[in-house]
Amino acid sequence: MKKNMGQADTIIRLVLAAVMAILFFTNTISGTLGMVLLLLGGVFAATSVISFCPLYVPFGINTCKKK
């Protein structure tokens, strides 16, 4: 897997994942919407850790700096 996410994209996704987790665990957002946001936050965190977003591939998006 080739990296296709840059540093700014990774940081933004990690911040969004943290905000979604905080909203869920403080019961600000609960129920089905809370579970969906928690799952989406998990996906954001996972893609940030591996620096690869599968949705970028079909659209040819690459935010990683060229070497």
C-alpha atoms as a PDB file:
ATOM      1  CA  MET A   1       0.000   0.000   0.000  1.00  0.00           C
ATOM      2  CA  LYS A   2       1.407   3.308  -1.062  1.00  0.00           C
ATOM      3  CA  LYS A   3       0.859   6.296   1.241  1.00  0.00           C
ATOM      4  CA  ASN A   4      -1.620   8.822  -0.139  1.00  0.00           C
ATOM      5  CA  MET A   5      -2.279  11.039   2.895  1.00  0.00           C
ATOM      6  CA  GLY A   6      -0.177  14.019   3.892  1.00  0.00           C
ATOM      7  CA  GLN A   7       0.576  15.310   7.365  1.00  0.00           C
ATOM      8  CA  ALA A   8      -2.176  17.952   7.415  1.00  0.00           C
ATOM      9  CA  ASP A   9      -4.782  15.405   6.299  1.00  0.00           C
ATOM     10  CA  THR A  10      -3.628  12.970   8.990  1.00  0.00           C
ATOM     11  CA  ILE A  11      -3.815  15.584  11.748  1.00  0.00           C
ATOM     12  CA  ILE A  12      -7.274  16.760  10.683  1.00  0.00           C
ATOM     13  CA  ARG A  13      -8.587  13.189  10.684  1.00  0.00           C
ATOM     14  CA  LEU A  14      -7.118  12.438  14.111  1.00  0.00           C
ATOM     15  CA  VAL A  15      -8.654  15.599  15.580  1.00  0.00           C
ATOM     16  CA  LEU A  16     -12.053  14.750  14.073  1.00  0.00           C
ATOM     17  CA  ALA A  17     -11.815  11.187  15.418  1.00  0.00           C
ATOM     18  CA  ALA A  18     -11.014  12.504  18.903  1.00  0.00           C
ATOM     19  CA  VAL A  19     -13.916  14.980  18.806  1.00  0.00           C
ATOM     20  CA  MET A  20     -16.329  12.231  17.700  1.00  0.00           C
ATOM     21  CA  ALA A  21     -15.128   9.939  20.494  1.00  0.00           C
ATOM     22  CA  ILE A  22     -15.451  12.689  23.109  1.00  0.00           C
ATOM     23  CA  LEU A  23     -18.977  13.528  21.956  1.00  0.00           C
ATOM     24  CA  PHE A  24     -19.969   9.870  22.170  1.00  0.00           C
ATOM     25  CA  PHE A  25     -18.388   9.064  25.536  1.00  0.00           C
ATOM     26  CA  THR A  26     -19.765  12.210  27.206  1.00  0.00           C
ATOM     27  CA  ASN A  27     -23.254  11.230  25.969  1.00  0.00           C
ATOM     28  CA  THR A  28     -23.596  14.457  24.020  1.00  0.00           C
ATOM     29  CA  ILE A  29     -24.469  12.319  21.007  1.00  0.00           C
ATOM     30  CA  SER A  30     -25.966   8.915  21.644  1.00  0.00           C
ATOM     31  CA  GLY A  31     -28.059   6.244  20.012  1.00  0.00           C
ATOM     32  CA  THR A  32     -27.675   5.292  16.377  1.00  0.00           C
ATOM     33  CA  LEU A  33     -26.095   8.597  15.383  1.00  0.00           C
ATOM     34  CA  GLY A  34     -23.554   8.235  18.176  1.00  0.00           C
ATOM     35  CA  MET A  35     -22.630   4.722  17.089  1.00  0.00           C
ATOM     36  CA  VAL A  36     -22.266   5.810  13.445  1.00  0.00           C
ATOM     37  CA  LEU A  37     -20.036   8.740  14.441  1.00  0.00           C
ATOM     38  CA  LEU A  38     -17.947   6.483  16.694  1.00  0.00           C
ATOM     39  CA  LEU A  39     -17.475   4.025  13.830  1.00  0.00           C
ATOM     40  CA  LEU A  40     -16.575   6.844  11.433  1.00  0.00           C
ATOM     41  CA  GLY A  41     -14.095   8.187  13.980  1.00  0.00           C
ATOM     42  CA  GLY A  42     -12.509   4.740  14.188  1.00  0.00           C
ATOM     43  CA  VAL A  43     -12.134   4.658  10.411  1.00  0.00           C
ATOM     44  CA  PHE A  44     -10.598   8.141  10.456  1.00  0.00           C
ATOM     45  CA  ALA A  45      -8.129   7.097  13.161  1.00  0.00           C
ATOM     46  CA  ALA A  46      -7.191   3.869  11.363  1.00  0.00           C
ATOM     47  CA  THR A  47      -6.620   5.568   8.020  1.00  0.00           C
ATOM     48  CA  SER A  48      -4.526   8.216   9.757  1.00  0.00           C
ATOM     49  CA  VAL A  49      -2.306   5.633  11.410  1.00  0.00           C
ATOM     50  CA  ILE A  50      -1.587   3.808   8.134  1.00  0.00           C
ATOM     51  CA  SER A  51      -1.549   7.039   6.044  1.00  0.00           C
ATOM     52  CA  PHE A  52      -3.700   5.455   3.363  1.00  0.00           C
ATOM     53  CA  CYS A  53      -7.287   6.289   2.408  1.00  0.00           C
ATOM     54  CA  PRO A  54      -8.953   3.761   0.088  1.00  0.00           C
ATOM     55  CA  LEU A  55     -11.488   6.361  -1.077  1.00  0.00           C
ATOM     56  CA  TYR A  56      -8.684   8.527  -2.478  1.00  0.00           C
ATOM     57  CA  VAL A  57      -7.597   5.839  -4.974  1.00  0.00           C
ATOM     58  CA  PRO A  58     -10.583   5.890  -7.389  1.00  0.00           C
ATOM     59  CA  PHE A  59     -10.514   9.689  -7.498  1.00  0.00           C
ATOM     60  CA  GLY A  60      -6.733   9.920  -7.917  1.00  0.00           C
ATOM     61  CA  ILE A  61      -6.303  12.100  -4.822  1.00  0.00           C
ATOM     62  CA  ASN A  62      -2.892  12.183  -3.168  1.00  0.00           C
ATOM     63  CA  THR A  63      -2.182  14.685  -0.388  1.00  0.00           C
ATOM     64  CA  CYS A  64       1.214  13.171   0.433  1.00  0.00           C
ATOM     65  CA  LYS A  65       4.190  15.301  -0.563  1.00  0.00           C
ATOM     66  CA  LYS A  66       6.125  13.977  -3.540  1.00  0.00           C
ATOM     67  CA  LYS A  67       9.624  12.635  -2.903  1.00  0.00           C
END
